[in-house]
């Protein structure tokens, strides 16, 4: 086995294990930490694909900014077991059914997908260049880029409003 295949297998195992631990962990802080490790292992996959710029941006944006936002949200909301509302069984059953349906759809997509056979056509444009990437991002994909910024701003405002304590009137 080659070294790259071994690194890929280790990164894949770490990614899957930390993703499951993120979901199944009872402590929200532990879930956030598992998610950070998962993000770093995904950045390792980007490095294996020779996409250094995307790996660094992934670490800065997701492991840095988004996880800090998550941790502040968790700490501001002061999540406790006593305050947690238990979901009715029908809600949990609906979530399990939706999860199973999504898994079936993904499995069907993977089974019916066909690999690309033949020569790989290249345009000659190097998208690893920051100059080319900036032109593409800010010219062709300007509207989705702005939508993402509005989405993050809305999430930040929602976090502040949810964590705001109501003043008791005396």
N, C-alpha and C. Protein backbone atom coordinates (compact mmCIF):
# COMPACT_ATOMS: atom_id res chain seq x y z
N UNK A 1 0.84 -1.19 0.00
CA UNK A 1 0.00 0.00 0.00
C UNK A 1 0.88 1.24 0.00
N UNK A 2 0.43 2.23 -0.71
CA UNK A 2 1.21 3.46 -0.77
C UNK A 2 0.93 4.31 0.47
N UNK A 3 1.82 5.24 0.69
CA UNK A 3 1.71 6.12 1.84
C UNK A 3 0.47 7.00 1.74
N UNK A 4 0.15 7.46 0.54
CA UNK A 4 -1.02 8.33 0.34
C UNK A 4 -2.30 7.58 0.69
N UNK A 5 -2.38 6.31 0.30
CA UNK A 5 -3.56 5.51 0.60
C UNK A 5 -3.71 5.30 2.11
N UNK A 6 -2.60 5.08 2.79
CA UNK A 6 -2.65 4.91 4.25
C UNK A 6 -3.10 6.21 4.92
N UNK A 7 -2.55 7.34 4.48
CA UNK A 7 -2.96 8.63 5.04
C UNK A 7 -4.44 8.88 4.76
N UNK A 8 -4.90 8.54 3.54
CA UNK A 8 -6.31 8.71 3.21
C UNK A 8 -7.19 7.86 4.12
N UNK A 9 -6.83 6.62 4.34
CA UNK A 9 -7.62 5.74 5.19
C UNK A 9 -7.67 6.25 6.63
N UNK A 10 -6.53 6.72 7.14
CA UNK A 10 -6.49 7.24 8.51
C UNK A 10 -7.35 8.51 8.61
N UNK A 11 -7.21 9.42 7.65
CA UNK A 11 -8.02 10.64 7.66
C UNK A 11 -9.51 10.33 7.54
N UNK A 12 -9.84 9.35 6.72
CA UNK A 12 -11.24 8.97 6.57
C UNK A 12 -11.80 8.40 7.86
N UNK A 13 -11.02 7.56 8.52
CA UNK A 13 -11.47 6.99 9.80
C UNK A 13 -11.64 8.07 10.85
N UNK A 14 -10.71 9.02 10.91
CA UNK A 14 -10.82 10.13 11.87
C UNK A 14 -12.03 10.99 11.55
N UNK A 15 -12.25 11.27 10.27
CA UNK A 15 -13.39 12.10 9.86
C UNK A 15 -14.71 11.44 10.25
N UNK A 16 -14.86 10.17 9.92
CA UNK A 16 -16.11 9.47 10.25
C UNK A 16 -16.30 9.33 11.76
N UNK A 17 -15.23 8.99 12.48
CA UNK A 17 -15.36 8.81 13.93
C UNK A 17 -15.73 10.12 14.62
N UNK A 18 -15.07 11.20 14.26
CA UNK A 18 -15.38 12.47 14.92
C UNK A 18 -16.74 13.02 14.49
N UNK A 19 -17.16 12.72 13.27
CA UNK A 19 -18.50 13.14 12.83
C UNK A 19 -19.57 12.42 13.65
N UNK A 20 -19.40 11.13 13.85
CA UNK A 20 -20.36 10.39 14.68
C UNK A 20 -20.30 10.84 16.13
N UNK A 21 -19.11 11.12 16.64
CA UNK A 21 -18.99 11.59 18.03
C UNK A 21 -19.61 12.98 18.19
N UNK A 22 -19.56 13.79 17.13
CA UNK A 22 -20.21 15.10 17.17
C UNK A 22 -21.71 14.94 17.36
N UNK A 23 -22.27 13.99 16.67
CA UNK A 23 -23.72 13.78 16.74
C UNK A 23 -24.13 13.13 18.05
N UNK A 24 -23.38 12.13 18.50
CA UNK A 24 -23.82 11.32 19.63
C UNK A 24 -23.30 11.79 20.98
N UNK A 25 -22.49 12.82 21.03
CA UNK A 25 -21.96 13.31 22.30
C UNK A 25 -23.06 14.05 23.06
N UNK A 26 -23.13 13.81 24.36
CA UNK A 26 -24.15 14.46 25.19
C UNK A 26 -23.76 15.89 25.54
N UNK A 27 -22.48 16.15 25.68
CA UNK A 27 -22.00 17.47 26.06
C UNK A 27 -21.81 18.33 24.81
N UNK A 28 -22.47 19.51 24.75
CA UNK A 28 -22.35 20.33 23.54
C UNK A 28 -20.93 20.84 23.29
N UNK A 29 -20.17 21.09 24.34
CA UNK A 29 -18.79 21.54 24.15
C UNK A 29 -17.95 20.43 23.53
N UNK A 30 -18.15 19.19 23.98
CA UNK A 30 -17.42 18.07 23.39
C UNK A 30 -17.81 17.90 21.93
N UNK A 31 -19.09 18.08 21.62
CA UNK A 31 -19.53 17.99 20.22
C UNK A 31 -18.82 19.04 19.36
N UNK A 32 -18.69 20.25 19.88
CA UNK A 32 -18.00 21.31 19.13
C UNK A 32 -16.52 20.95 18.91
N UNK A 33 -15.89 20.38 19.92
CA UNK A 33 -14.48 20.00 19.77
C UNK A 33 -14.32 18.85 18.77
N UNK A 34 -15.23 17.88 18.81
CA UNK A 34 -15.18 16.80 17.82
C UNK A 34 -15.38 17.37 16.42
N UNK A 35 -16.22 18.37 16.29
CA UNK A 35 -16.45 18.97 14.98
C UNK A 35 -15.20 19.69 14.48
N UNK A 36 -14.45 20.31 15.37
CA UNK A 36 -13.19 20.95 14.98
C UNK A 36 -12.21 19.92 14.45
N UNK A 37 -12.09 18.79 15.14
CA UNK A 37 -11.19 17.73 14.67
C UNK A 37 -11.66 17.19 13.33
N UNK A 38 -12.97 17.07 13.15
CA UNK A 38 -13.52 16.62 11.87
C UNK A 38 -13.16 17.61 10.76
N UNK A 39 -13.27 18.91 11.04
CA UNK A 39 -12.91 19.91 10.05
C UNK A 39 -11.43 19.85 9.69
N UNK A 40 -10.57 19.63 10.67
CA UNK A 40 -9.14 19.53 10.38
C UNK A 40 -8.84 18.29 9.53
N UNK A 41 -9.53 17.18 9.79
CA UNK A 41 -9.28 15.99 8.98
C UNK A 41 -9.79 16.18 7.55
N UNK A 42 -10.87 16.93 7.39
CA UNK A 42 -11.34 17.24 6.03
C UNK A 42 -10.32 18.13 5.31
N UNK A 43 -9.71 19.05 6.04
CA UNK A 43 -8.65 19.87 5.45
C UNK A 43 -7.48 18.99 5.02
N UNK A 44 -7.22 17.92 5.76
CA UNK A 44 -6.19 16.96 5.36
C UNK A 44 -6.54 16.29 4.04
N UNK A 45 -7.82 16.01 3.83
CA UNK A 45 -8.25 15.45 2.54
C UNK A 45 -7.99 16.44 1.41
N UNK A 46 -8.25 17.72 1.67
CA UNK A 46 -7.96 18.73 0.64
C UNK A 46 -6.47 18.76 0.32
N UNK A 47 -5.64 18.60 1.32
CA UNK A 47 -4.19 18.58 1.07
C UNK A 47 -3.80 17.36 0.22
N UNK A 48 -4.46 16.23 0.47
CA UNK A 48 -4.17 15.05 -0.35
C UNK A 48 -4.58 15.27 -1.81
N UNK A 49 -5.58 16.11 -2.02
CA UNK A 49 -6.01 16.41 -3.39
C UNK A 49 -5.20 17.54 -4.01
N UNK A 50 -4.12 17.96 -3.34
CA UNK A 50 -3.23 19.02 -3.81
C UNK A 50 -3.96 20.35 -3.95
N UNK A 51 -4.84 20.62 -3.00
CA UNK A 51 -5.57 21.88 -3.00
C UNK A 51 -5.23 22.62 -1.70
N UNK A 52 -4.03 23.17 -1.66
CA UNK A 52 -3.53 23.80 -0.45
C UNK A 52 -4.34 25.04 -0.07
N UNK A 53 -4.70 25.84 -1.05
CA UNK A 53 -5.45 27.06 -0.76
C UNK A 53 -6.80 26.72 -0.13
N UNK A 54 -7.50 25.75 -0.70
CA UNK A 54 -8.79 25.35 -0.16
C UNK A 54 -8.65 24.77 1.24
N UNK A 55 -7.59 24.04 1.51
CA UNK A 55 -7.36 23.48 2.85
C UNK A 55 -7.15 24.60 3.87
N UNK A 56 -6.34 25.59 3.53
CA UNK A 56 -6.08 26.68 4.47
C UNK A 56 -7.33 27.52 4.69
N UNK A 57 -8.09 27.80 3.63
CA UNK A 57 -9.32 28.56 3.78
C UNK A 57 -10.33 27.77 4.62
N UNK A 58 -10.38 26.47 4.42
CA UNK A 58 -11.27 25.61 5.21
C UNK A 58 -10.91 25.68 6.70
N UNK A 59 -9.64 25.61 7.01
CA UNK A 59 -9.21 25.68 8.41
C UNK A 59 -9.54 27.05 9.01
N UNK A 60 -9.25 28.11 8.25
CA UNK A 60 -9.50 29.45 8.78
C UNK A 60 -10.98 29.71 8.96
N UNK A 61 -11.78 29.39 7.94
CA UNK A 61 -13.20 29.73 7.99
C UNK A 61 -13.96 28.80 8.91
N UNK A 62 -13.86 27.50 8.68
CA UNK A 62 -14.68 26.58 9.45
C UNK A 62 -14.12 26.33 10.84
N UNK A 63 -12.88 25.90 10.91
CA UNK A 63 -12.31 25.56 12.22
C UNK A 63 -12.09 26.81 13.06
N UNK A 64 -11.91 27.93 12.44
CA UNK A 64 -11.72 29.16 13.18
C UNK A 64 -13.01 29.89 13.44
N UNK A 65 -13.51 30.56 12.44
CA UNK A 65 -14.63 31.48 12.62
C UNK A 65 -15.93 30.78 12.98
N UNK A 66 -16.32 29.76 12.23
CA UNK A 66 -17.60 29.12 12.48
C UNK A 66 -17.61 28.41 13.83
N UNK A 67 -16.53 27.75 14.18
CA UNK A 67 -16.51 27.05 15.47
C UNK A 67 -16.50 28.04 16.64
N UNK A 68 -15.85 29.17 16.49
CA UNK A 68 -15.92 30.18 17.53
C UNK A 68 -17.36 30.66 17.69
N UNK A 69 -18.05 30.86 16.57
CA UNK A 69 -19.46 31.25 16.62
C UNK A 69 -20.29 30.18 17.30
N UNK A 70 -20.05 28.90 16.99
CA UNK A 70 -20.78 27.81 17.64
C UNK A 70 -20.52 27.80 19.14
N UNK A 71 -19.26 27.94 19.53
CA UNK A 71 -18.95 27.89 20.97
C UNK A 71 -19.58 29.06 21.71
N UNK A 72 -19.54 30.25 21.12
CA UNK A 72 -20.21 31.38 21.77
C UNK A 72 -21.72 31.15 21.86
N UNK A 73 -22.29 30.57 20.82
CA UNK A 73 -23.72 30.28 20.85
C UNK A 73 -24.04 29.29 21.96
N UNK A 74 -23.25 28.24 22.06
CA UNK A 74 -23.49 27.24 23.10
C UNK A 74 -23.34 27.85 24.48
N UNK A 75 -22.32 28.67 24.66
CA UNK A 75 -22.09 29.25 25.98
C UNK A 75 -23.11 30.34 26.30
N UNK A 76 -23.55 31.10 25.31
CA UNK A 76 -24.54 32.15 25.56
C UNK A 76 -25.92 31.57 25.85
N UNK A 77 -26.26 30.47 25.19
CA UNK A 77 -27.57 29.89 25.40
C UNK A 77 -27.66 29.10 26.70
N UNK A 78 -26.52 28.75 27.28
CA UNK A 78 -26.47 28.06 28.57
C UNK A 78 -27.35 26.81 28.53
N UNK A 79 -26.97 25.88 27.69
CA UNK A 79 -27.75 24.66 27.52
C UNK A 79 -27.57 23.75 28.73
N UNK A 80 -28.65 23.43 29.36
CA UNK A 80 -28.65 22.52 30.51
C UNK A 80 -29.65 21.41 30.25
N UNK A 81 -29.43 20.27 30.91
CA UNK A 81 -30.36 19.15 30.77
C UNK A 81 -31.71 19.49 31.38
N UNK A 82 -31.73 20.28 32.45
CA UNK A 82 -32.98 20.59 33.12
C UNK A 82 -33.88 21.45 32.24
N UNK A 83 -33.27 22.31 31.42
CA UNK A 83 -34.04 23.22 30.57
C UNK A 83 -34.43 22.59 29.23
N UNK A 84 -33.88 21.42 28.95
CA UNK A 84 -34.09 20.80 27.64
C UNK A 84 -35.52 20.27 27.53
N UNK A 85 -36.16 20.63 26.43
CA UNK A 85 -37.50 20.15 26.19
C UNK A 85 -37.40 18.80 25.49
N UNK A 86 -38.09 17.80 26.04
CA UNK A 86 -38.04 16.47 25.43
C UNK A 86 -39.02 16.41 24.26
N UNK A 87 -38.54 15.89 23.16
CA UNK A 87 -39.34 15.82 21.95
C UNK A 87 -40.32 14.65 22.06
N UNK A 88 -41.53 14.82 21.53
CA UNK A 88 -42.47 13.71 21.52
C UNK A 88 -41.98 12.58 20.63
N UNK A 89 -42.50 11.40 20.85
CA UNK A 89 -42.06 10.23 20.10
C UNK A 89 -42.33 10.37 18.60
N UNK A 90 -43.41 11.02 18.24
CA UNK A 90 -43.73 11.16 16.82
C UNK A 90 -42.69 12.03 16.11
N UNK A 91 -42.14 13.01 16.82
CA UNK A 91 -41.09 13.86 16.24
C UNK A 91 -39.81 13.06 16.03
N UNK A 92 -39.47 12.26 17.04
CA UNK A 92 -38.26 11.43 16.90
C UNK A 92 -38.44 10.38 15.82
N UNK A 93 -39.66 9.81 15.72
CA UNK A 93 -39.93 8.83 14.68
C UNK A 93 -39.84 9.47 13.30
N UNK A 94 -40.37 10.69 13.17
CA UNK A 94 -40.26 11.41 11.90
C UNK A 94 -38.82 11.69 11.52
N UNK A 95 -37.99 12.01 12.51
CA UNK A 95 -36.58 12.27 12.23
C UNK A 95 -35.88 11.00 11.76
N UNK A 96 -36.20 9.87 12.38
CA UNK A 96 -35.59 8.59 11.98
C UNK A 96 -36.04 8.22 10.57
N UNK A 97 -37.32 8.41 10.25
CA UNK A 97 -37.83 8.10 8.92
C UNK A 97 -37.15 8.99 7.87
N UNK A 98 -37.01 10.29 8.16
CA UNK A 98 -36.33 11.21 7.22
C UNK A 98 -34.88 10.80 7.02
N UNK A 99 -34.20 10.41 8.10
CA UNK A 99 -32.81 9.97 8.01
C UNK A 99 -32.70 8.73 7.13
N UNK A 100 -33.58 7.76 7.34
CA UNK A 100 -33.54 6.53 6.55
C UNK A 100 -33.82 6.81 5.07
N UNK A 101 -34.79 7.69 4.80
CA UNK A 101 -35.08 8.04 3.40
C UNK A 101 -33.90 8.73 2.74
N UNK A 102 -33.24 9.63 3.47
CA UNK A 102 -32.07 10.30 2.91
C UNK A 102 -30.95 9.30 2.63
N UNK A 103 -30.77 8.34 3.55
CA UNK A 103 -29.75 7.30 3.33
C UNK A 103 -30.07 6.48 2.09
N UNK A 104 -31.34 6.12 1.90
CA UNK A 104 -31.73 5.35 0.72
C UNK A 104 -31.49 6.13 -0.56
N UNK A 105 -31.81 7.42 -0.54
CA UNK A 105 -31.58 8.26 -1.72
C UNK A 105 -30.09 8.34 -2.03
N UNK A 106 -29.26 8.55 -1.02
CA UNK A 106 -27.81 8.63 -1.25
C UNK A 106 -27.25 7.31 -1.75
N UNK A 107 -27.72 6.20 -1.19
CA UNK A 107 -27.25 4.90 -1.66
C UNK A 107 -27.66 4.68 -3.11
N UNK A 108 -28.89 5.05 -3.47
CA UNK A 108 -29.34 4.91 -4.85
C UNK A 108 -28.50 5.77 -5.79
N UNK A 109 -28.15 6.97 -5.35
CA UNK A 109 -27.31 7.84 -6.17
C UNK A 109 -25.94 7.23 -6.37
N UNK A 110 -25.36 6.70 -5.30
CA UNK A 110 -24.03 6.09 -5.41
C UNK A 110 -24.05 4.84 -6.30
N UNK A 111 -25.12 4.05 -6.20
CA UNK A 111 -25.19 2.83 -7.01
C UNK A 111 -25.36 3.17 -8.48
N UNK A 112 -26.17 4.17 -8.78
CA UNK A 112 -26.45 4.52 -10.18
C UNK A 112 -25.43 5.47 -10.80
N UNK A 113 -24.48 5.94 -10.04
CA UNK A 113 -23.48 6.86 -10.60
C UNK A 113 -22.49 6.08 -11.45
N UNK A 114 -22.00 6.75 -12.47
CA UNK A 114 -21.04 6.13 -13.37
C UNK A 114 -19.73 6.90 -13.30
N UNK A 115 -18.62 6.21 -13.20
CA UNK A 115 -17.34 6.93 -13.16
C UNK A 115 -17.03 7.55 -14.52
N UNK A 116 -16.25 8.60 -14.48
CA UNK A 116 -15.83 9.27 -15.72
C UNK A 116 -14.72 8.43 -16.35
N UNK A 117 -14.98 7.99 -17.57
CA UNK A 117 -14.01 7.16 -18.27
C UNK A 117 -13.53 7.96 -19.47
N UNK A 118 -12.24 7.92 -19.70
CA UNK A 118 -11.68 8.62 -20.84
C UNK A 118 -10.76 9.74 -20.40
N UNK A 119 -10.29 10.49 -21.37
CA UNK A 119 -9.35 11.57 -21.03
C UNK A 119 -10.05 12.71 -20.30
N UNK A 120 -9.32 13.33 -19.45
CA UNK A 120 -9.82 14.47 -18.67
C UNK A 120 -9.53 15.74 -19.45
N UNK A 121 -10.57 16.46 -19.82
CA UNK A 121 -10.40 17.70 -20.59
C UNK A 121 -10.02 18.84 -19.64
N UNK A 122 -8.98 19.55 -19.99
CA UNK A 122 -8.56 20.69 -19.18
C UNK A 122 -8.67 21.96 -20.02
N UNK A 123 -8.96 23.04 -19.33
CA UNK A 123 -9.06 24.33 -20.02
C UNK A 123 -7.75 25.09 -19.99
N UNK A 124 -6.81 24.62 -19.21
CA UNK A 124 -5.53 25.30 -19.10
C UNK A 124 -5.51 26.35 -18.00
N UNK A 125 -6.67 26.63 -17.40
CA UNK A 125 -6.74 27.62 -16.33
C UNK A 125 -6.37 26.96 -15.01
N UNK A 126 -5.47 27.59 -14.29
CA UNK A 126 -5.03 27.07 -12.99
C UNK A 126 -5.89 27.69 -11.90
N UNK A 127 -6.84 26.92 -11.37
CA UNK A 127 -7.72 27.46 -10.33
C UNK A 127 -7.07 27.44 -8.95
N UNK A 128 -5.84 26.95 -8.85
CA UNK A 128 -5.11 27.04 -7.59
C UNK A 128 -4.54 28.44 -7.39
N UNK A 129 -4.44 29.20 -8.45
CA UNK A 129 -3.93 30.56 -8.36
C UNK A 129 -4.96 31.44 -7.64
N UNK A 130 -4.51 32.18 -6.67
CA UNK A 130 -5.41 33.04 -5.90
C UNK A 130 -5.96 34.15 -6.79
N UNK A 131 -5.17 34.61 -7.74
CA UNK A 131 -5.62 35.66 -8.65
C UNK A 131 -6.79 35.18 -9.50
N UNK A 132 -6.68 34.00 -10.08
CA UNK A 132 -7.75 33.43 -10.90
C UNK A 132 -8.96 33.11 -10.03
N UNK A 133 -8.72 32.55 -8.86
CA UNK A 133 -9.81 32.20 -7.95
C UNK A 133 -10.58 33.43 -7.51
N UNK A 134 -9.88 34.52 -7.22
CA UNK A 134 -10.54 35.77 -6.85
C UNK A 134 -11.38 36.34 -7.97
N UNK A 135 -10.87 36.28 -9.20
CA UNK A 135 -11.64 36.76 -10.36
C UNK A 135 -12.90 35.93 -10.56
N UNK A 136 -12.79 34.62 -10.45
CA UNK A 136 -13.95 33.76 -10.63
C UNK A 136 -14.96 33.99 -9.51
N UNK A 137 -14.48 34.09 -8.27
CA UNK A 137 -15.37 34.23 -7.12
C UNK A 137 -16.10 35.57 -7.13
N UNK A 138 -15.40 36.63 -7.47
CA UNK A 138 -16.00 37.96 -7.40
C UNK A 138 -16.60 38.44 -8.71
N UNK A 139 -16.50 37.66 -9.77
CA UNK A 139 -17.17 38.01 -11.03
C UNK A 139 -18.33 37.07 -11.32
N UNK A 140 -18.02 35.78 -11.50
CA UNK A 140 -19.05 34.82 -11.88
C UNK A 140 -19.94 34.41 -10.70
N UNK A 141 -19.38 34.37 -9.50
CA UNK A 141 -20.13 33.88 -8.34
C UNK A 141 -20.34 34.97 -7.30
N UNK A 142 -20.55 36.18 -7.75
CA UNK A 142 -20.72 37.31 -6.83
C UNK A 142 -22.02 37.19 -6.05
N UNK A 143 -23.12 36.83 -6.68
CA UNK A 143 -24.42 36.76 -6.00
C UNK A 143 -24.42 35.66 -4.94
N UNK A 144 -23.97 34.42 -5.22
CA UNK A 144 -23.93 33.42 -4.14
C UNK A 144 -22.98 33.83 -3.01
N UNK A 145 -21.90 34.53 -3.35
CA UNK A 145 -20.96 35.01 -2.34
C UNK A 145 -21.66 35.99 -1.40
N UNK A 146 -22.45 36.90 -1.95
CA UNK A 146 -23.19 37.86 -1.13
C UNK A 146 -24.31 37.19 -0.35
N UNK A 147 -24.97 36.19 -0.94
CA UNK A 147 -25.99 35.45 -0.21
C UNK A 147 -25.40 34.75 1.01
N UNK A 148 -24.20 34.21 0.86
CA UNK A 148 -23.54 33.55 2.00
C UNK A 148 -23.25 34.56 3.11
N UNK A 149 -22.84 35.76 2.75
CA UNK A 149 -22.57 36.77 3.79
C UNK A 149 -23.85 37.20 4.49
N UNK A 150 -24.95 37.31 3.74
CA UNK A 150 -26.24 37.66 4.35
C UNK A 150 -26.71 36.54 5.26
N UNK A 151 -26.51 35.29 4.84
CA UNK A 151 -26.89 34.15 5.66
C UNK A 151 -26.12 34.14 6.99
N UNK A 152 -24.81 34.39 6.93
CA UNK A 152 -24.02 34.43 8.15
C UNK A 152 -24.42 35.60 9.05
N UNK A 153 -24.73 36.74 8.47
CA UNK A 153 -25.18 37.88 9.25
C UNK A 153 -26.51 37.57 9.93
N UNK A 154 -27.42 36.93 9.22
CA UNK A 154 -28.71 36.56 9.80
C UNK A 154 -28.53 35.56 10.93
N UNK A 155 -27.63 34.60 10.76
CA UNK A 155 -27.37 33.62 11.82
C UNK A 155 -26.79 34.30 13.05
N UNK A 156 -25.93 35.28 12.85
CA UNK A 156 -25.34 35.98 13.99
C UNK A 156 -26.39 36.79 14.73
N UNK A 157 -27.27 37.47 14.00
CA UNK A 157 -28.34 38.25 14.64
C UNK A 157 -29.29 37.32 15.38
N UNK A 158 -29.63 36.19 14.78
CA UNK A 158 -30.49 35.21 15.44
C UNK A 158 -29.88 34.66 16.71
N UNK A 159 -28.57 34.44 16.70
CA UNK A 159 -27.88 33.95 17.89
C UNK A 159 -27.96 34.97 19.02
N UNK A 160 -27.75 36.22 18.69
CA UNK A 160 -27.81 37.26 19.72
C UNK A 160 -29.22 37.38 20.27
N UNK A 161 -30.23 37.32 19.40
CA UNK A 161 -31.61 37.44 19.87
C UNK A 161 -32.04 36.24 20.71
N UNK A 162 -31.58 35.04 20.34
CA UNK A 162 -31.94 33.87 21.12
C UNK A 162 -31.27 33.84 22.48
N UNK A 163 -30.06 34.35 22.54
CA UNK A 163 -29.32 34.28 23.80
C UNK A 163 -29.63 35.45 24.72
N UNK A 164 -30.37 36.42 24.24
CA UNK A 164 -30.68 37.59 25.04
C UNK A 164 -31.63 37.21 26.17
N UNK A 165 -31.29 37.58 27.36
CA UNK A 165 -32.11 37.27 28.54
C UNK A 165 -33.22 38.31 28.67
N UNK A 166 -34.39 37.84 29.00
CA UNK A 166 -35.51 38.76 29.22
C UNK A 166 -35.38 39.37 30.61
N UNK A 167 -35.61 40.66 30.71
CA UNK A 167 -35.55 41.33 32.00
C UNK A 167 -36.86 41.08 32.73
N UNK A 168 -36.72 40.65 33.97
CA UNK A 168 -37.93 40.41 34.78
C UNK A 168 -38.42 41.73 35.33
N UNK A 169 -39.73 41.94 35.20
CA UNK A 169 -40.32 43.19 35.69
C UNK A 169 -40.76 43.00 37.12
N UNK A 170 -40.38 43.94 37.97
CA UNK A 170 -40.73 43.84 39.39
C UNK A 170 -41.63 44.96 39.79
